[in-house]
Every structure is written in C-alpha cells, then in structure tokens.
Amino acid sequence: MRADRLLQIMLLLQTRQTISAKELAQRLEVSERTIFRDMEALSAAGVPVYAERGAQGGWRLAEGYRTDWAGFRKDELLSLLAAKPHRHLTDLGLAGHFEAALLKLLAGLTPALRRDADYMRQRLYVDAAGWHPSGEEVPWLPLLQEAVWEGRKLRLLYASGSGNEHSAGERVVHPLGLVLKGSLWYLAALPDDDRQPRTYRVSRIRWAELLEDTAERPQDFDLASYWHRSVERFRSGLPSYPVRARVQGTVRSRLEQTRFVSIAEWSERPDSGGWHEALLQFNTLESACDIALSFGARLQVLEPAELRAALRDAALAVADLYGETEPQRSAD
C-alpha cells in the first residue's frame, strides 16, 4: 500500500544521509518510476526531499528535518486519538496499519501525554458503523486505490443502472479519486473517450485491470469540489412531490431522520392538540404513501387529494386484513 511505503521512505531518509532511487526501489520492491512518483507526493505534502546528482548522489531530506511528535499540542494529539478505524480504512485494508501507527505514536509520547491519552481512550469510544450497513461487496477497491495513488489508467467491466450482469460494459478510465458516501464507495474518473469526469459506483465494478499507461489528471481538478457539484446535480434531478400535512410535534425528529422526505416548511406554533402544519417534500406518490402510513395517526395529509385517496384505500385494506376472525394460513 502506498501510504505504508511513503512512511518507510521517510524512515529510511531519516536514518540515511543519502539513498539512491535504485536502492529504494529494490528495498521496497517497486519500480524506480514508482519511487519518483512517491517523491513527488512527499514533496507535494510539504516534506523537503530533493535529489543530489553525482556518483554519491541520491535522495535526501533537507538538513535538520525530522518528524517530531513533541511538537504536538495536547489538544492536537487528543483529536488524533479520538479517531477510530472507519469503514474506509477496513475496506482499503488499512485498519491494521492504523492501529500500528497509533501504537508508535503512543510509544513516543511523554508520560504526561500518555496518561492523558489513556484517560481519553477509556472515556470516549467512536462507533462509526451505521445501524443499516449497505452490505455491498467492493472486492476491486484495493486495485482502484492503487490506480488512484499510482496515477495509472484502469480497464473496467462496469454494470450500469440496476447492476444487471448483462448490462455490463468494458471501458478504460483515468482514475481521479475515491469517495466514501455513508457506506457506499464511488470512483471519480475521466473516461478515455470523454473529457468530462464521471462517477462510478464501486460495487458495480465486476472486473478491473491496472494498466501501465499513465493516467491524465485535469490540472484544475479538485475531488471535493467535483463531488459536491455532483451531489447537487443528483439532488436537483430527483423528482419532487410536495405534500401539505398536519404532524404531531413529537415525531418531528423522526421525520427529519427519515429518508426520501424533507421538511420544507414547519409552523412553529402548534394548535391545542399539539399539531403543526408542514410542507413536506417527497419524491413520488408511492413513497409519500408508504412513509405517511409509517407514521400512523401522528401524520395527517391535507393535500393533494390523490395522496389522501391512496392513504384511505391502503388503510381500509389494512383494516380488512386484520378484521378477519382468524388469519388465513397457507396449505402445507
């Protein structure tokens, strides 16, 4: 993994005055071309590495440069220790490396800071896993990560739309970055036959191959900005189904946490029965009916009339289902 390799390079440069790209490549079992990419990455991250020419030349760190844990302030250190391996570290195979790095960090602390760290870790636990895991398989994620970090092109077999195997098509892309949205992974990439970046859901990648060709990266491309624009385009393209309703104030928090519905307007003053008038935004009539039914007698739709009719029909069907004296059972 590249992150582990960059750390090894840093340690080697700190313990050796000069080391050649050839020796680094041999020790880390990669090509010299990869070492040059790693040096560019370190330099871009602010590490003062430079190449010295000549028979005794090689890569060096600027004189006096050292990583120094003692430079951490207490609050900076505790903010790092508050982190726990999230889903993305597990998916990328880095959870074990996170724990190893944490142990190294703790070993280098002063006794006072180590006591503070132990105190906090015993009193704060972060469970980043959601209540509803996606269950999506992402077997090609490590290869995509390598392609992104190495800056190499990818050949993919991608199932678009519903993910039907018969709809899968082969394409070559220039990987630009990986994004974890909740528990879902996405690859931002530039198609080989297009100049506009696109987003690919990693779980729909059926097969991937890392190519030797160097990937192109638009000079002004910023992953975070691209992703936020993509999310906004996606949201603006969703269908909208506005509903005027009366809602019990006790369920507002639950309503705010319900997917596929948002509160556009809310009367702050309830009536004598604790009801608030609200304008709710759903996606479709069907989803509005399902969600409204889940709130039972604590949400009353005022309009549109078609939704009121759909809810009435559904409620009568439920009443008929439970109005039988004995439930009908399937024959064995």
Protein backbone atom coordinates (compact mmCIF):
# COMPACT_ATOMS: atom_id res chain seq x y z
CA MET A 1 0.00 0.00 0.00
CA ARG A 2 1.34 3.42 -0.91
CA ALA A 3 0.75 5.06 2.48
CA ASP A 4 2.86 2.37 4.17
CA ARG A 5 5.56 2.74 1.50
CA LEU A 6 5.76 6.52 1.94
CA LEU A 7 6.24 6.02 5.68
CA GLN A 8 9.08 3.56 5.02
CA ILE A 9 10.73 6.04 2.66
CA MET A 10 10.52 8.74 5.34
CA LEU A 11 12.13 6.46 7.93
CA LEU A 12 14.89 5.42 5.51
CA LEU A 13 15.65 9.05 4.60
CA GLN A 14 15.81 10.00 8.28
CA THR A 15 18.25 7.19 9.11
CA ARG A 16 20.40 7.50 5.97
CA GLN A 17 22.06 10.66 4.69
CA THR A 18 21.56 9.73 1.03
CA ILE A 19 19.84 6.82 -0.67
CA SER A 20 19.50 6.19 -4.41
CA ALA A 21 16.23 5.62 -6.22
CA LYS A 22 17.56 2.23 -7.34
CA GLU A 23 18.21 1.09 -3.76
CA LEU A 24 14.83 2.38 -2.61
CA ALA A 25 13.14 0.52 -5.45
CA GLN A 26 14.96 -2.71 -4.55
CA ARG A 27 14.21 -2.45 -0.84
CA LEU A 28 10.54 -1.61 -1.34
CA GLU A 29 10.08 -4.00 -4.29
CA VAL A 30 8.71 -1.42 -6.72
CA SER A 31 9.99 0.24 -9.90
CA GLU A 32 12.22 3.33 -9.91
CA ARG A 33 9.40 5.11 -11.74
CA THR A 34 7.17 4.45 -8.72
CA ILE A 35 9.84 5.85 -6.39
CA PHE A 36 9.92 9.08 -8.41
CA ARG A 37 6.13 9.34 -8.09
CA ASP A 38 6.42 8.79 -4.33
CA MET A 39 9.00 11.56 -4.03
CA GLU A 40 6.71 13.92 -5.91
CA ALA A 41 3.90 13.00 -3.48
CA LEU A 42 6.12 13.64 -0.44
CA SER A 43 7.24 16.97 -1.85
CA ALA A 44 3.63 17.98 -2.57
CA ALA A 45 2.79 17.12 1.05
CA GLY A 46 5.45 19.53 2.29
CA VAL A 47 8.25 17.07 3.05
CA PRO A 48 11.56 18.70 1.94
CA VAL A 49 13.01 15.90 -0.22
CA TYR A 50 15.45 16.61 -3.04
CA ALA A 51 17.71 14.70 -5.41
CA GLU A 52 21.52 15.14 -5.32
CA ARG A 53 23.41 14.38 -8.51
CA GLY A 54 26.77 12.67 -8.86
CA ALA A 55 28.34 9.28 -8.16
CA GLN A 56 27.48 9.55 -4.46
CA GLY A 57 24.16 11.25 -5.09
CA GLY A 58 20.63 10.15 -4.36
CA TRP A 59 17.58 11.28 -2.49
CA ARG A 60 17.94 13.31 0.69
CA LEU A 61 15.93 15.17 3.29
CA ALA A 62 16.71 18.82 3.92
CA GLU A 63 19.29 19.30 6.65
CA GLY A 64 17.81 19.11 10.14
CA TYR A 65 14.36 17.94 9.05
CA ARG A 66 12.80 15.43 11.44
CA THR A 67 9.29 14.36 12.28
CA ASP A 68 8.81 15.46 15.87
CA TRP A 69 5.91 14.22 17.99
CA ALA A 70 6.99 16.53 20.77
CA GLY A 71 5.73 19.41 18.62
CA PHE A 72 2.12 18.29 19.13
CA ARG A 73 -0.06 20.31 21.46
CA LYS A 74 -2.23 18.32 23.85
CA ASP A 75 -5.49 19.16 22.07
CA GLU A 76 -3.98 18.29 18.66
CA LEU A 77 -2.82 14.93 19.95
CA LEU A 78 -6.15 14.09 21.57
CA SER A 79 -8.02 14.96 18.36
CA LEU A 80 -5.95 12.31 16.57
CA LEU A 81 -6.54 9.74 19.28
CA ALA A 82 -10.29 10.38 19.12
CA ALA A 83 -10.33 8.86 15.64
CA LYS A 84 -11.11 5.18 15.20
CA PRO A 85 -10.72 2.99 12.11
CA HIS A 86 -13.73 3.85 9.96
CA ARG A 87 -15.31 1.68 7.26
CA HIS A 88 -12.99 3.20 4.65
CA LEU A 89 -9.84 2.01 6.46
CA THR A 90 -11.21 -1.51 6.71
CA ASP A 91 -12.25 -1.56 3.04
CA LEU A 92 -8.84 -0.26 1.97
CA GLY A 93 -7.03 -2.81 4.16
CA LEU A 94 -5.52 -0.10 6.37
CA ALA A 95 -7.23 -0.78 9.73
CA GLY A 96 -4.26 -2.82 10.98
CA HIS A 97 -1.83 -0.12 9.85
CA PHE A 98 -3.88 2.48 11.72
CA GLU A 99 -3.55 0.56 14.98
CA ALA A 100 0.19 0.03 14.39
CA ALA A 101 0.70 3.75 13.75
CA LEU A 102 -1.29 4.58 16.88
CA LEU A 103 0.93 2.32 18.98
CA LYS A 104 4.04 4.02 17.57
CA LEU A 105 2.56 7.39 18.38
CA LEU A 106 1.73 6.40 21.95
CA ALA A 107 5.20 4.92 22.46
CA GLY A 108 6.81 8.24 21.58
CA LEU A 109 4.75 10.39 23.95
CA THR A 110 5.88 11.90 27.20
CA PRO A 111 4.50 10.12 30.32
CA ALA A 112 2.10 13.01 30.97
CA LEU A 113 0.65 12.97 27.46
CA ARG A 114 0.43 9.16 27.54
CA ARG A 115 -1.67 9.37 30.71
CA ASP A 116 -3.95 11.92 29.05
CA ALA A 117 -4.28 9.66 26.01
CA ASP A 118 -5.14 6.61 28.11
CA TYR A 119 -7.66 8.65 30.12
CA MET A 120 -9.47 9.79 26.98
CA ARG A 121 -9.48 6.38 25.27
CA GLN A 122 -11.17 4.89 28.35
CA ARG A 123 -13.90 7.54 28.26
CA LEU A 124 -14.60 8.03 24.56
CA TYR A 125 -15.49 5.37 22.01
CA VAL A 126 -16.50 6.15 18.42
CA ASP A 127 -18.61 3.56 16.61
CA ALA A 128 -18.62 4.80 13.02
CA ALA A 129 -20.69 1.90 11.67
CA GLY A 130 -24.27 2.77 10.80
CA TRP A 131 -27.34 0.87 12.00
CA HIS A 132 -28.11 -0.14 8.44
CA PRO A 133 -24.94 -1.43 6.71
CA SER A 134 -25.09 -1.41 2.93
CA GLY A 135 -23.91 -4.99 2.53
CA GLU A 136 -22.23 -4.04 -0.76
CA GLU A 137 -19.18 -6.00 -1.83
CA VAL A 138 -16.21 -4.00 -3.11
CA PRO A 139 -13.55 -6.61 -3.99
CA TRP A 140 -11.86 -4.32 -6.54
CA LEU A 141 -11.43 -1.39 -4.16
CA PRO A 142 -7.73 -2.08 -3.29
CA LEU A 143 -6.87 -2.15 -7.02
CA LEU A 144 -8.77 1.10 -7.60
CA GLN A 145 -6.91 2.66 -4.68
CA GLU A 146 -3.58 1.61 -6.20
CA ALA A 147 -4.57 3.07 -9.56
CA VAL A 148 -5.58 6.38 -7.96
CA TRP A 149 -2.38 6.69 -5.94
CA GLU A 150 -0.06 5.47 -8.69
CA GLY A 151 -1.74 7.61 -11.34
CA ARG A 152 -2.34 4.75 -13.78
CA LYS A 153 -5.20 4.02 -16.15
CA LEU A 154 -7.81 1.32 -15.46
CA ARG A 155 -9.80 -1.04 -17.64
CA LEU A 156 -13.19 -1.79 -16.05
CA LEU A 157 -16.15 -4.05 -16.63
CA TYR A 158 -18.94 -1.88 -15.23
CA ALA A 159 -22.59 -2.78 -14.74
CA SER A 160 -24.54 0.45 -15.10
CA GLY A 161 -28.11 1.11 -13.99
CA SER A 162 -29.54 -1.70 -11.89
CA GLY A 163 -26.26 -3.60 -11.93
CA ASN A 164 -27.60 -6.37 -14.18
CA GLU A 165 -24.69 -8.51 -15.33
CA HIS A 166 -25.98 -8.41 -18.92
CA SER A 167 -25.72 -4.60 -18.95
CA ALA A 168 -22.02 -4.63 -18.00
CA GLY A 169 -19.73 -2.93 -20.50
CA GLU A 170 -15.97 -2.54 -20.74
CA ARG A 171 -14.38 0.88 -20.54
CA VAL A 172 -10.96 2.48 -19.94
CA VAL A 173 -10.78 5.35 -17.46
CA HIS A 174 -8.29 7.74 -15.89
CA PRO A 175 -8.93 7.45 -12.10
CA LEU A 176 -9.12 10.76 -10.24
CA GLY A 177 -10.18 9.82 -6.71
CA LEU A 178 -12.25 7.66 -4.39
CA VAL A 179 -15.21 8.92 -2.34
CA LEU A 180 -16.97 7.20 0.55
CA LYS A 181 -20.56 8.47 0.84
CA GLY A 182 -22.03 6.99 4.01
CA SER A 183 -21.20 3.32 3.49
CA LEU A 184 -21.04 3.43 -0.32
CA TRP A 185 -17.83 3.76 -2.35
CA TYR A 186 -17.59 5.75 -5.59
CA LEU A 187 -14.79 6.21 -8.13
CA ALA A 188 -14.39 9.57 -9.83
CA ALA A 189 -12.69 9.02 -13.16
CA LEU A 190 -12.20 10.53 -16.60
CA PRO A 191 -13.41 8.22 -19.41
CA ASP A 192 -10.75 7.59 -22.04
CA ASP A 193 -13.15 8.74 -24.76
CA ASP A 194 -14.55 11.80 -22.96
CA ARG A 195 -13.19 14.95 -21.32
CA GLN A 196 -15.81 15.17 -18.55
CA PRO A 197 -15.25 13.30 -15.25
CA ARG A 198 -17.87 10.74 -14.28
CA THR A 199 -18.78 8.86 -11.12
CA TYR A 200 -18.82 5.05 -10.91
CA ARG A 201 -20.30 3.05 -8.03
CA VAL A 202 -17.54 0.69 -6.92
CA SER A 203 -19.92 -2.18 -6.07
CA ARG A 204 -20.98 -2.28 -9.74
CA ILE A 205 -17.45 -2.91 -10.98
CA ARG A 206 -17.38 -6.57 -11.98
CA TRP A 207 -13.73 -6.71 -13.03
CA ALA A 208 -10.78 -4.32 -13.16
CA GLU A 209 -7.26 -4.30 -14.61
CA LEU A 210 -4.46 -1.89 -13.79
CA LEU A 211 -2.80 -0.62 -16.98
CA GLU A 212 0.77 0.58 -17.41
CA ASP A 213 -0.29 3.82 -19.11
CA THR A 214 -0.10 6.98 -17.01
CA ALA A 215 -3.50 8.47 -16.20
CA GLU A 216 -4.29 12.03 -17.22
CA ARG A 217 -5.47 14.38 -14.49
CA PRO A 218 -7.02 17.76 -15.33
CA GLN A 219 -4.80 20.45 -13.87
CA ASP A 220 -7.65 22.24 -12.12
CA PHE A 221 -9.44 19.12 -10.85
CA ASP A 222 -10.39 19.19 -7.15
CA LEU A 223 -12.02 16.00 -5.85
CA ALA A 224 -14.06 17.58 -3.04
CA SER A 225 -15.44 20.34 -5.30
CA TYR A 226 -16.28 17.83 -8.03
CA TRP A 227 -18.12 15.59 -5.58
CA HIS A 228 -20.18 18.42 -4.06
CA ARG A 229 -21.22 19.58 -7.53
CA SER A 230 -22.17 16.00 -8.47
CA VAL A 231 -24.29 15.61 -5.33
CA GLU A 232 -26.09 18.87 -6.03
CA ARG A 233 -26.79 17.84 -9.63
CA PHE A 234 -28.12 14.49 -8.41
CA ARG A 235 -30.40 16.10 -5.83
CA SER A 236 -31.73 18.70 -8.26
CA GLY A 237 -32.58 15.91 -10.70
CA LEU A 238 -34.69 13.96 -8.20
CA PRO A 239 -38.49 14.08 -8.67
CA SER A 240 -40.39 16.28 -6.22
CA TYR A 241 -43.79 15.54 -4.71
CA PRO A 242 -44.94 18.30 -2.30
CA VAL A 243 -47.45 17.42 0.42
CA ARG A 244 -49.31 19.69 2.85
CA ALA A 245 -49.86 17.91 6.16
CA ARG A 246 -50.54 18.17 9.89
CA VAL A 247 -47.86 16.50 12.00
CA GLN A 248 -47.65 15.79 15.72
CA GLY A 249 -44.65 17.69 17.14
CA THR A 250 -43.46 14.57 18.95
CA VAL A 251 -42.47 12.90 15.67
CA ARG A 252 -40.63 15.81 14.03
CA SER A 253 -37.22 14.41 14.95
CA ARG A 254 -38.12 11.03 13.47
CA LEU A 255 -39.47 12.73 10.34
CA GLU A 256 -36.21 14.66 9.90
CA GLN A 257 -34.26 11.41 10.02
CA THR A 258 -36.49 9.58 7.54
CA ARG A 259 -35.03 9.06 4.08
CA PHE A 260 -36.76 10.35 0.94
CA VAL A 261 -38.67 13.11 2.74
CA SER A 262 -37.68 16.60 3.86
CA ILE A 263 -39.45 19.38 5.74
CA ALA A 264 -39.77 22.47 3.53
CA GLU A 265 -41.99 24.47 5.92
CA TRP A 266 -43.00 23.98 9.55
CA SER A 267 -45.36 26.08 11.68
CA GLU A 268 -43.56 26.72 14.95
CA ARG A 269 -46.76 27.23 16.96
CA PRO A 270 -48.82 24.04 17.39
CA ASP A 271 -52.58 24.01 17.83
CA SER A 272 -54.26 22.91 21.04
CA GLY A 273 -53.82 19.24 20.10
CA GLY A 274 -50.07 19.54 19.50
CA TRP A 275 -50.39 19.51 15.69
CA HIS A 276 -48.09 21.52 13.39
CA GLU A 277 -48.86 22.36 9.78
CA ALA A 278 -45.98 21.44 7.46
CA LEU A 279 -44.99 21.34 3.81
CA LEU A 280 -43.21 18.07 3.15
CA GLN A 281 -41.20 17.18 0.06
CA PHE A 282 -41.36 13.55 -1.08
CA ASN A 283 -40.04 12.04 -4.32
CA THR A 284 -43.12 10.22 -5.61
CA LEU A 285 -46.75 9.49 -4.74
CA GLU A 286 -45.86 5.89 -3.89
CA SER A 287 -43.05 6.76 -1.48
CA ALA A 288 -45.18 9.51 0.10
CA CYS A 289 -47.95 6.97 0.75
CA ASP A 290 -45.56 4.41 2.28
CA ILE A 291 -43.84 6.96 4.52
CA ALA A 292 -47.07 8.65 5.65
CA LEU A 293 -48.55 5.26 6.59
CA SER A 294 -45.48 4.51 8.72
CA PHE A 295 -46.37 7.49 10.95
CA GLY A 296 -49.89 6.17 11.59
CA ALA A 297 -52.25 8.59 13.32
CA ARG A 298 -49.47 11.11 14.02
CA LEU A 299 -49.36 12.48 10.45
CA GLN A 300 -52.45 13.66 8.56
CA VAL A 301 -52.18 14.56 4.87
CA LEU A 302 -54.26 17.62 3.92
CA GLU A 303 -53.40 17.68 0.20
CA PRO A 304 -53.05 16.59 -2.56
CA ALA A 305 -56.34 14.73 -2.84
CA GLU A 306 -54.81 11.80 -4.74
CA LEU A 307 -52.50 11.03 -1.82
CA ARG A 308 -55.39 11.24 0.66
CA ALA A 309 -57.32 8.76 -1.51
CA ALA A 310 -54.32 6.41 -1.74
CA LEU A 311 -53.87 6.50 2.04
CA ARG A 312 -57.57 5.86 2.63
CA ASP A 313 -57.52 2.83 0.30
CA ALA A 314 -54.38 1.48 1.96
CA ALA A 315 -55.82 1.99 5.45
CA LEU A 316 -59.07 0.19 4.51
CA ALA A 317 -57.06 -2.70 3.06
CA VAL A 318 -55.09 -3.00 6.31
CA ALA A 319 -58.32 -2.84 8.34
CA ASP A 320 -59.85 -5.62 6.23
CA LEU A 321 -56.71 -7.70 6.62
CA TYR A 322 -56.85 -7.52 10.40
CA GLY A 323 -60.64 -7.58 10.64
CA GLU A 324 -60.81 -11.32 9.96
CA THR A 325 -61.60 -13.51 12.97
CA GLU A 326 -58.87 -15.98 12.05
CA PRO A 327 -55.91 -15.34 9.72
CA GLN A 328 -55.86 -17.44 6.58
CA ARG A 329 -52.94 -19.84 6.52
CA SER A 330 -51.24 -21.34 3.52
CA ALA A 331 -51.84 -25.02 2.98
CA ASP A 332 -48.92 -27.27 3.84
